[in-house]
Amino acid sequence: MAEAVVDERTPLPTRFYCHMCSMEVNIPNTDFTCPHCSGGFVESCQQLQILLVEVAVRLVSQTVAATMSSEEK
């Protein structure tokens, strides 16, 4: 029986954030520039979401630690 070939590469994200336009854009040009302003400062929205989650976790941890510290006094 033939085996299926599975492509394990991560697909290219379809949404990017242009820091020059301050907006989300579709897949950037082949040279990864913004299709609106031609600026090169575009970033995968997936990367931004991961960063936001990491920042939120740190803030919650700091808040919990500060609350616990103030309750001990």
C-alpha atoms as a PDB file:
ATOM      1  CA  MET A   1       0.000   0.000   0.000  1.00  0.00           C
ATOM      2  CA  ALA A   2       1.292   3.456  -0.872  1.00  0.00           C
ATOM      3  CA  GLU A   3       2.089   5.851   1.964  1.00  0.00           C
ATOM      4  CA  ALA A   4       0.860   9.409   1.946  1.00  0.00           C
ATOM      5  CA  VAL A   5       3.501  12.110   1.917  1.00  0.00           C
ATOM      6  CA  VAL A   6       2.926  14.618   4.680  1.00  0.00           C
ATOM      7  CA  ASP A   7       4.392  18.076   4.300  1.00  0.00           C
ATOM      8  CA  GLU A   8       5.533  19.005   7.814  1.00  0.00           C
ATOM      9  CA  ARG A   9       6.661  22.515   6.952  1.00  0.00           C
ATOM     10  CA  THR A  10       4.879  25.273   8.785  1.00  0.00           C
ATOM     11  CA  PRO A  11       2.650  27.135   6.338  1.00  0.00           C
ATOM     12  CA  LEU A  12       3.476  30.770   5.680  1.00  0.00           C
ATOM     13  CA  PRO A  13       1.236  32.974   7.826  1.00  0.00           C
ATOM     14  CA  THR A  14      -1.345  34.847   5.798  1.00  0.00           C
ATOM     15  CA  ARG A  15      -1.601  37.919   8.017  1.00  0.00           C
ATOM     16  CA  PHE A  16       1.248  40.278   8.787  1.00  0.00           C
ATOM     17  CA  TYR A  17       1.518  43.535  10.692  1.00  0.00           C
ATOM     18  CA  CYS A  18       3.166  46.502   9.020  1.00  0.00           C
ATOM     19  CA  HIS A  19       4.805  48.694  11.638  1.00  0.00           C
ATOM     20  CA  MET A  20       5.019  51.624   9.186  1.00  0.00           C
ATOM     21  CA  CYS A  21       1.274  51.583   8.340  1.00  0.00           C
ATOM     22  CA  SER A  22       0.282  50.388  11.838  1.00  0.00           C
ATOM     23  CA  MET A  23      -2.115  47.877  10.320  1.00  0.00           C
ATOM     24  CA  GLU A  24      -2.499  44.218   9.416  1.00  0.00           C
ATOM     25  CA  VAL A  25      -1.857  43.337   5.784  1.00  0.00           C
ATOM     26  CA  ASN A  26      -2.279  40.217   3.687  1.00  0.00           C
ATOM     27  CA  ILE A  27       0.718  38.179   2.581  1.00  0.00           C
ATOM     28  CA  PRO A  28       3.458  40.723   1.839  1.00  0.00           C
ATOM     29  CA  ASN A  29       5.237  41.039  -1.469  1.00  0.00           C
ATOM     30  CA  THR A  30       7.781  38.349  -2.348  1.00  0.00           C
ATOM     31  CA  ASP A  31      10.536  40.507  -0.858  1.00  0.00           C
ATOM     32  CA  PHE A  32       8.519  40.794   2.397  1.00  0.00           C
ATOM     33  CA  THR A  33       7.652  44.442   1.993  1.00  0.00           C
ATOM     34  CA  CYS A  34       4.254  45.910   2.760  1.00  0.00           C
ATOM     35  CA  PRO A  35       1.913  45.928  -0.250  1.00  0.00           C
ATOM     36  CA  HIS A  36       0.669  49.396   0.830  1.00  0.00           C
ATOM     37  CA  CYS A  37       3.757  51.406   1.753  1.00  0.00           C
ATOM     38  CA  SER A  38       6.533  49.127   0.407  1.00  0.00           C
ATOM     39  CA  GLY A  39       8.143  49.319   3.850  1.00  0.00           C
ATOM     40  CA  GLY A  40      10.165  46.351   5.008  1.00  0.00           C
ATOM     41  CA  PHE A  41       9.071  46.319   8.636  1.00  0.00           C
ATOM     42  CA  VAL A  42       6.398  43.600   8.457  1.00  0.00           C
ATOM     43  CA  GLU A  43       5.999  40.896  11.065  1.00  0.00           C
ATOM     44  CA  SER A  44       3.943  37.730  11.221  1.00  0.00           C
ATOM     45  CA  CYS A  45       0.792  38.231  13.294  1.00  0.00           C
ATOM     46  CA  GLN A  46       1.456  34.799  14.802  1.00  0.00           C
ATOM     47  CA  GLN A  47       4.742  36.093  16.211  1.00  0.00           C
ATOM     48  CA  LEU A  48       2.955  39.127  17.639  1.00  0.00           C
ATOM     49  CA  GLN A  49       0.320  36.939  19.290  1.00  0.00           C
ATOM     50  CA  ILE A  50       3.014  34.803  20.933  1.00  0.00           C
ATOM     51  CA  LEU A  51       4.759  37.935  22.201  1.00  0.00           C
ATOM     52  CA  LEU A  52       1.502  39.339  23.597  1.00  0.00           C
ATOM     53  CA  VAL A  53       0.797  36.094  25.450  1.00  0.00           C
ATOM     54  CA  GLU A  54       4.305  36.089  26.930  1.00  0.00           C
ATOM     55  CA  VAL A  55       3.890  39.697  28.125  1.00  0.00           C
ATOM     56  CA  ALA A  56       0.461  38.918  29.609  1.00  0.00           C
ATOM     57  CA  VAL A  57       1.851  35.925  31.507  1.00  0.00           C
ATOM     58  CA  ARG A  58       4.659  38.064  32.939  1.00  0.00           C
ATOM     59  CA  LEU A  59       2.222  40.783  34.013  1.00  0.00           C
ATOM     60  CA  VAL A  60      -0.059  38.282  35.730  1.00  0.00           C
ATOM     61  CA  SER A  61       2.902  36.677  37.491  1.00  0.00           C
ATOM     62  CA  GLN A  62       4.137  40.067  38.697  1.00  0.00           C
ATOM     63  CA  THR A  63       0.659  41.029  39.900  1.00  0.00           C
ATOM     64  CA  VAL A  64       0.240  37.775  41.797  1.00  0.00           C
ATOM     65  CA  ALA A  65       3.677  38.151  43.378  1.00  0.00           C
ATOM     66  CA  ALA A  66       2.965  41.759  44.377  1.00  0.00           C
ATOM     67  CA  THR A  67      -0.418  40.798  45.849  1.00  0.00           C
ATOM     68  CA  MET A  68       1.081  37.957  47.840  1.00  0.00           C
ATOM     69  CA  SER A  69       3.869  40.207  49.082  1.00  0.00           C
ATOM     70  CA  SER A  70       1.470  42.917  50.247  1.00  0.00           C
ATOM     71  CA  GLU A  71      -0.733  40.353  52.021  1.00  0.00           C
ATOM     72  CA  GLU A  72       2.266  39.112  54.016  1.00  0.00           C
ATOM     73  CA  LYS A  73       2.872  42.577  55.510  1.00  0.00           C
END
